[in-house]
């Protein structure tokens, strides 16, 4: 194709082949049409039949339906993988709170106007998996003190375990059976 064949950003193609697998149509479909294949990789536009049921009206070879099924499953898995990374909040407003298993990989917010205590329990009481991460936020004006349960070690820079101020953020990471690393805005 020469440069003269491309004019003002428009490109005319008589046939478009994708990875030697699908030959795509070179014209737009009309309203209500969907792309379909003939089972041999040639894609064309067809009207949607009315009154049909999902999957029951799919035509083509079993392999093309299987390919579509696999793509849908891959997309679904990718979306699920992303949504699992969203952080949910466990809001606390009392003077003290002890972490529970459902806090794993979540945000625990401590919303109290007075000083409050967040206790990290012993592994025999709550068996968090190794590598568990828990985010903590001092949401209220009261400072949050991180307290180790019996037999628990909280490792932090200069052994600091009290929040610096309102809206401070922290991360607890379980690094051994009864050892947690604490990082964030500590004083």
Foldseek 3Di string as FASTA:
>chain_A
DDPVQQPPNDHQDPWDQDPVQAIEDRDDDDPQWDWADQQRRYIDTDHDDPPDDPPPPHDYDPVVVVVVVVVVVVVVVVVVVVVVLDADEDEDADQEEEDAQVQFNHEYEHAYQAAHEYEDEACVVHPHDAFTKGKYFDAYFHKYFYHYHVPAEEDEVVPFGIAPGHGKMKMWGHHDRRYIYIDTRTD
